[in-house]
Amino acid sequence: MTSVPPDLDTPAPGVINIDRTSPVPLYFQLAQHYEAAIRSGALKVGSRLDNEVQLAERLGMSRPTVRAAFMYLSNKGLVVRKRGSGTLVANKSIDRDVELTSLYDDLAAADQTPGHAGPAQ
């Protein structure tokens, strides 16, 4: 297990803490490390993450495990994966609340009254 100095709340991008005895999946531990580094600013927008193959070898993990971690980060919008360029830290996204409404609610919000349009043809 690689350890992080206790005086640091956010791990440095190069020091990865993986606990093989933990019930937490390895890919998720790796993803959490990178997520913390991205959110803290230790990894800046546009920074390139380590190569999957090299990172897997360095940590003694399988490539699919590293790939799963990067896919998890990609699905959260934290990184962008580009063929030939690698995995890069993404621009910050803007989160908005999404509201599911009905046609009736949309018409009422637009000050229109729903009604019958005429006979169906």
C-alpha atoms as a PDB file:
ATOM      1  CA  MET A   1       0.000   0.000   0.000  1.00  0.00           C
ATOM      2  CA  THR A   2       1.341   3.407  -0.988  1.00  0.00           C
ATOM      3  CA  SER A   3       0.736   5.918   1.757  1.00  0.00           C
ATOM      4  CA  VAL A   4       0.034   9.629   1.806  1.00  0.00           C
ATOM      5  CA  PRO A   5       1.735  11.822   4.413  1.00  0.00           C
ATOM      6  CA  PRO A   6      -0.783  12.443   7.234  1.00  0.00           C
ATOM      7  CA  ASP A   7      -0.400  16.234   7.071  1.00  0.00           C
ATOM      8  CA  LEU A   8      -1.898  16.388   3.569  1.00  0.00           C
ATOM      9  CA  ASP A   9      -5.667  16.319   3.160  1.00  0.00           C
ATOM     10  CA  THR A  10      -5.448  15.978  -0.606  1.00  0.00           C
ATOM     11  CA  PRO A  11      -2.977  13.497  -2.045  1.00  0.00           C
ATOM     12  CA  ALA A  12      -0.416  14.665  -4.561  1.00  0.00           C
ATOM     13  CA  PRO A  13      -1.221  13.468  -8.081  1.00  0.00           C
ATOM     14  CA  GLY A  14       1.831  11.172  -8.086  1.00  0.00           C
ATOM     15  CA  VAL A  15       1.152   9.438  -4.737  1.00  0.00           C
ATOM     16  CA  ILE A  16      -1.740   7.008  -5.008  1.00  0.00           C
ATOM     17  CA  ASN A  17      -3.167   5.336  -1.915  1.00  0.00           C
ATOM     18  CA  ILE A  18      -4.561   1.886  -2.754  1.00  0.00           C
ATOM     19  CA  ASP A  19      -5.634  -0.498   0.015  1.00  0.00           C
ATOM     20  CA  ARG A  20      -5.907  -4.029  -1.352  1.00  0.00           C
ATOM     21  CA  THR A  21      -7.447  -5.278   1.913  1.00  0.00           C
ATOM     22  CA  SER A  22     -10.351  -2.823   1.693  1.00  0.00           C
ATOM     23  CA  PRO A  23     -13.793  -3.973   0.521  1.00  0.00           C
ATOM     24  CA  VAL A  24     -13.857  -0.866  -1.710  1.00  0.00           C
ATOM     25  CA  PRO A  25     -13.148  -1.905  -5.340  1.00  0.00           C
ATOM     26  CA  LEU A  26      -9.679  -1.000  -6.610  1.00  0.00           C
ATOM     27  CA  TYR A  27     -11.031   0.961  -9.585  1.00  0.00           C
ATOM     28  CA  PHE A  28     -13.124   3.093  -7.214  1.00  0.00           C
ATOM     29  CA  GLN A  29     -10.162   3.786  -4.917  1.00  0.00           C
ATOM     30  CA  LEU A  30      -8.144   4.924  -7.934  1.00  0.00           C
ATOM     31  CA  ALA A  31     -11.029   7.052  -9.221  1.00  0.00           C
ATOM     32  CA  GLN A  32     -11.431   8.653  -5.775  1.00  0.00           C
ATOM     33  CA  HIS A  33      -7.749   9.586  -5.768  1.00  0.00           C
ATOM     34  CA  TYR A  34      -8.014  11.343  -9.125  1.00  0.00           C
ATOM     35  CA  GLU A  35     -11.365  12.940  -8.260  1.00  0.00           C
ATOM     36  CA  ALA A  36      -9.880  14.444  -5.082  1.00  0.00           C
ATOM     37  CA  ALA A  37      -6.858  15.728  -7.009  1.00  0.00           C
ATOM     38  CA  ILE A  38      -9.084  17.294  -9.692  1.00  0.00           C
ATOM     39  CA  ARG A  39     -11.527  18.907  -7.249  1.00  0.00           C
ATOM     40  CA  SER A  40      -8.690  20.288  -5.082  1.00  0.00           C
ATOM     41  CA  GLY A  41      -6.980  21.833  -8.089  1.00  0.00           C
ATOM     42  CA  ALA A  42      -3.864  19.650  -7.794  1.00  0.00           C
ATOM     43  CA  LEU A  43      -4.716  18.505 -11.331  1.00  0.00           C
ATOM     44  CA  LYS A  44      -5.587  21.499 -13.495  1.00  0.00           C
ATOM     45  CA  VAL A  45      -7.973  21.642 -16.449  1.00  0.00           C
ATOM     46  CA  GLY A  46      -6.236  20.159 -19.473  1.00  0.00           C
ATOM     47  CA  SER A  47      -3.758  18.115 -17.411  1.00  0.00           C
ATOM     48  CA  ARG A  48      -3.081  14.678 -18.832  1.00  0.00           C
ATOM     49  CA  LEU A  49      -3.657  11.691 -16.553  1.00  0.00           C
ATOM     50  CA  ASP A  50      -1.173   8.836 -16.517  1.00  0.00           C
ATOM     51  CA  ASN A  51      -1.198   6.331 -19.364  1.00  0.00           C
ATOM     52  CA  GLU A  52      -3.467   3.343 -18.559  1.00  0.00           C
ATOM     53  CA  VAL A  53      -0.826   0.711 -19.279  1.00  0.00           C
ATOM     54  CA  GLN A  54       1.973   2.446 -17.369  1.00  0.00           C
ATOM     55  CA  LEU A  55      -0.291   3.239 -14.410  1.00  0.00           C
ATOM     56  CA  ALA A  56      -1.531  -0.358 -14.265  1.00  0.00           C
ATOM     57  CA  GLU A  57       2.047  -1.651 -14.232  1.00  0.00           C
ATOM     58  CA  ARG A  58       3.164   0.888 -11.617  1.00  0.00           C
ATOM     59  CA  LEU A  59       0.280   0.038  -9.263  1.00  0.00           C
ATOM     60  CA  GLY A  60       0.240  -3.692  -9.953  1.00  0.00           C
ATOM     61  CA  MET A  61      -3.328  -3.510 -11.287  1.00  0.00           C
ATOM     62  CA  SER A  62      -4.887  -4.818 -14.440  1.00  0.00           C
ATOM     63  CA  ARG A  63      -5.466  -2.463 -17.332  1.00  0.00           C
ATOM     64  CA  PRO A  64      -9.268  -3.024 -17.226  1.00  0.00           C
ATOM     65  CA  THR A  65      -9.248  -1.869 -13.569  1.00  0.00           C
ATOM     66  CA  VAL A  66      -7.494   1.384 -14.500  1.00  0.00           C
ATOM     67  CA  ARG A  67      -9.797   1.770 -17.500  1.00  0.00           C
ATOM     68  CA  ALA A  68     -12.856   1.356 -15.234  1.00  0.00           C
ATOM     69  CA  ALA A  69     -11.547   4.122 -12.954  1.00  0.00           C
ATOM     70  CA  PHE A  70     -11.026   6.471 -15.905  1.00  0.00           C
ATOM     71  CA  MET A  71     -14.468   5.584 -17.297  1.00  0.00           C
ATOM     72  CA  TYR A  72     -16.031   6.376 -13.906  1.00  0.00           C
ATOM     73  CA  LEU A  73     -14.344   9.806 -13.957  1.00  0.00           C
ATOM     74  CA  SER A  74     -15.434  10.349 -17.548  1.00  0.00           C
ATOM     75  CA  ASN A  75     -19.054   9.511 -16.690  1.00  0.00           C
ATOM     76  CA  LYS A  76     -18.920  12.095 -13.881  1.00  0.00           C
ATOM     77  CA  GLY A  77     -17.672  14.701 -16.367  1.00  0.00           C
ATOM     78  CA  LEU A  78     -14.317  15.153 -14.614  1.00  0.00           C
ATOM     79  CA  VAL A  79     -12.165  13.915 -17.480  1.00  0.00           C
ATOM     80  CA  VAL A  80     -12.363  13.667 -21.250  1.00  0.00           C
ATOM     81  CA  ARG A  81     -10.964  10.659 -23.042  1.00  0.00           C
ATOM     82  CA  LYS A  82      -9.519  11.345 -26.483  1.00  0.00           C
ATOM     83  CA  ARG A  83      -8.030   8.711 -28.730  1.00  0.00           C
ATOM     84  CA  GLY A  84      -4.416   9.600 -29.422  1.00  0.00           C
ATOM     85  CA  SER A  85      -4.352  12.316 -26.753  1.00  0.00           C
ATOM     86  CA  GLY A  86      -5.092  10.288 -23.642  1.00  0.00           C
ATOM     87  CA  THR A  87      -7.259  11.171 -20.669  1.00  0.00           C
ATOM     88  CA  LEU A  88      -7.416  14.878 -19.856  1.00  0.00           C
ATOM     89  CA  VAL A  89      -8.967  16.812 -16.978  1.00  0.00           C
ATOM     90  CA  ALA A  90     -12.182  18.346 -18.326  1.00  0.00           C
ATOM     91  CA  ASN A  91     -13.385  21.914 -18.054  1.00  0.00           C
ATOM     92  CA  LYS A  92     -15.655  22.478 -15.093  1.00  0.00           C
ATOM     93  CA  SER A  93     -19.247  21.721 -15.935  1.00  0.00           C
ATOM     94  CA  ILE A  94     -22.256  23.716 -14.854  1.00  0.00           C
ATOM     95  CA  ASP A  95     -24.835  21.658 -13.012  1.00  0.00           C
ATOM     96  CA  ARG A  96     -28.466  22.650 -13.362  1.00  0.00           C
ATOM     97  CA  ASP A  97     -31.564  21.217 -11.840  1.00  0.00           C
ATOM     98  CA  VAL A  98     -33.655  19.365 -14.364  1.00  0.00           C
ATOM     99  CA  GLU A  99     -37.388  19.410 -13.899  1.00  0.00           C
ATOM    100  CA  LEU A 100     -39.808  17.034 -15.553  1.00  0.00           C
ATOM    101  CA  THR A 101     -43.022  18.823 -16.503  1.00  0.00           C
ATOM    102  CA  SER A 102     -46.152  18.018 -18.452  1.00  0.00           C
ATOM    103  CA  LEU A 103     -47.509  19.817 -21.511  1.00  0.00           C
ATOM    104  CA  TYR A 104     -50.283  21.241 -19.330  1.00  0.00           C
ATOM    105  CA  ASP A 105     -47.728  22.683 -16.862  1.00  0.00           C
ATOM    106  CA  ASP A 106     -45.631  24.125 -19.712  1.00  0.00           C
ATOM    107  CA  LEU A 107     -48.690  25.822 -21.257  1.00  0.00           C
ATOM    108  CA  ALA A 108     -49.826  27.154 -17.878  1.00  0.00           C
ATOM    109  CA  ALA A 109     -46.340  28.569 -17.215  1.00  0.00           C
ATOM    110  CA  ALA A 110     -46.529  30.340 -20.613  1.00  0.00           C
ATOM    111  CA  ASP A 111     -49.945  31.829 -19.686  1.00  0.00           C
ATOM    112  CA  GLN A 112     -51.707  29.736 -22.308  1.00  0.00           C
ATOM    113  CA  THR A 113     -54.808  27.641 -21.763  1.00  0.00           C
ATOM    114  CA  PRO A 114     -54.780  24.091 -22.989  1.00  0.00           C
ATOM    115  CA  GLY A 115     -57.805  23.260 -25.035  1.00  0.00           C
ATOM    116  CA  HIS A 116     -59.204  21.137 -27.794  1.00  0.00           C
ATOM    117  CA  ALA A 117     -57.774  21.984 -31.239  1.00  0.00           C
ATOM    118  CA  GLY A 118     -60.638  20.557 -33.244  1.00  0.00           C
ATOM    119  CA  PRO A 119     -61.697  17.238 -34.712  1.00  0.00           C
ATOM    120  CA  ALA A 120     -59.002  14.659 -35.336  1.00  0.00           C
ATOM    121  CA  GLN A 121     -58.513  13.692 -38.952  1.00  0.00           C
END
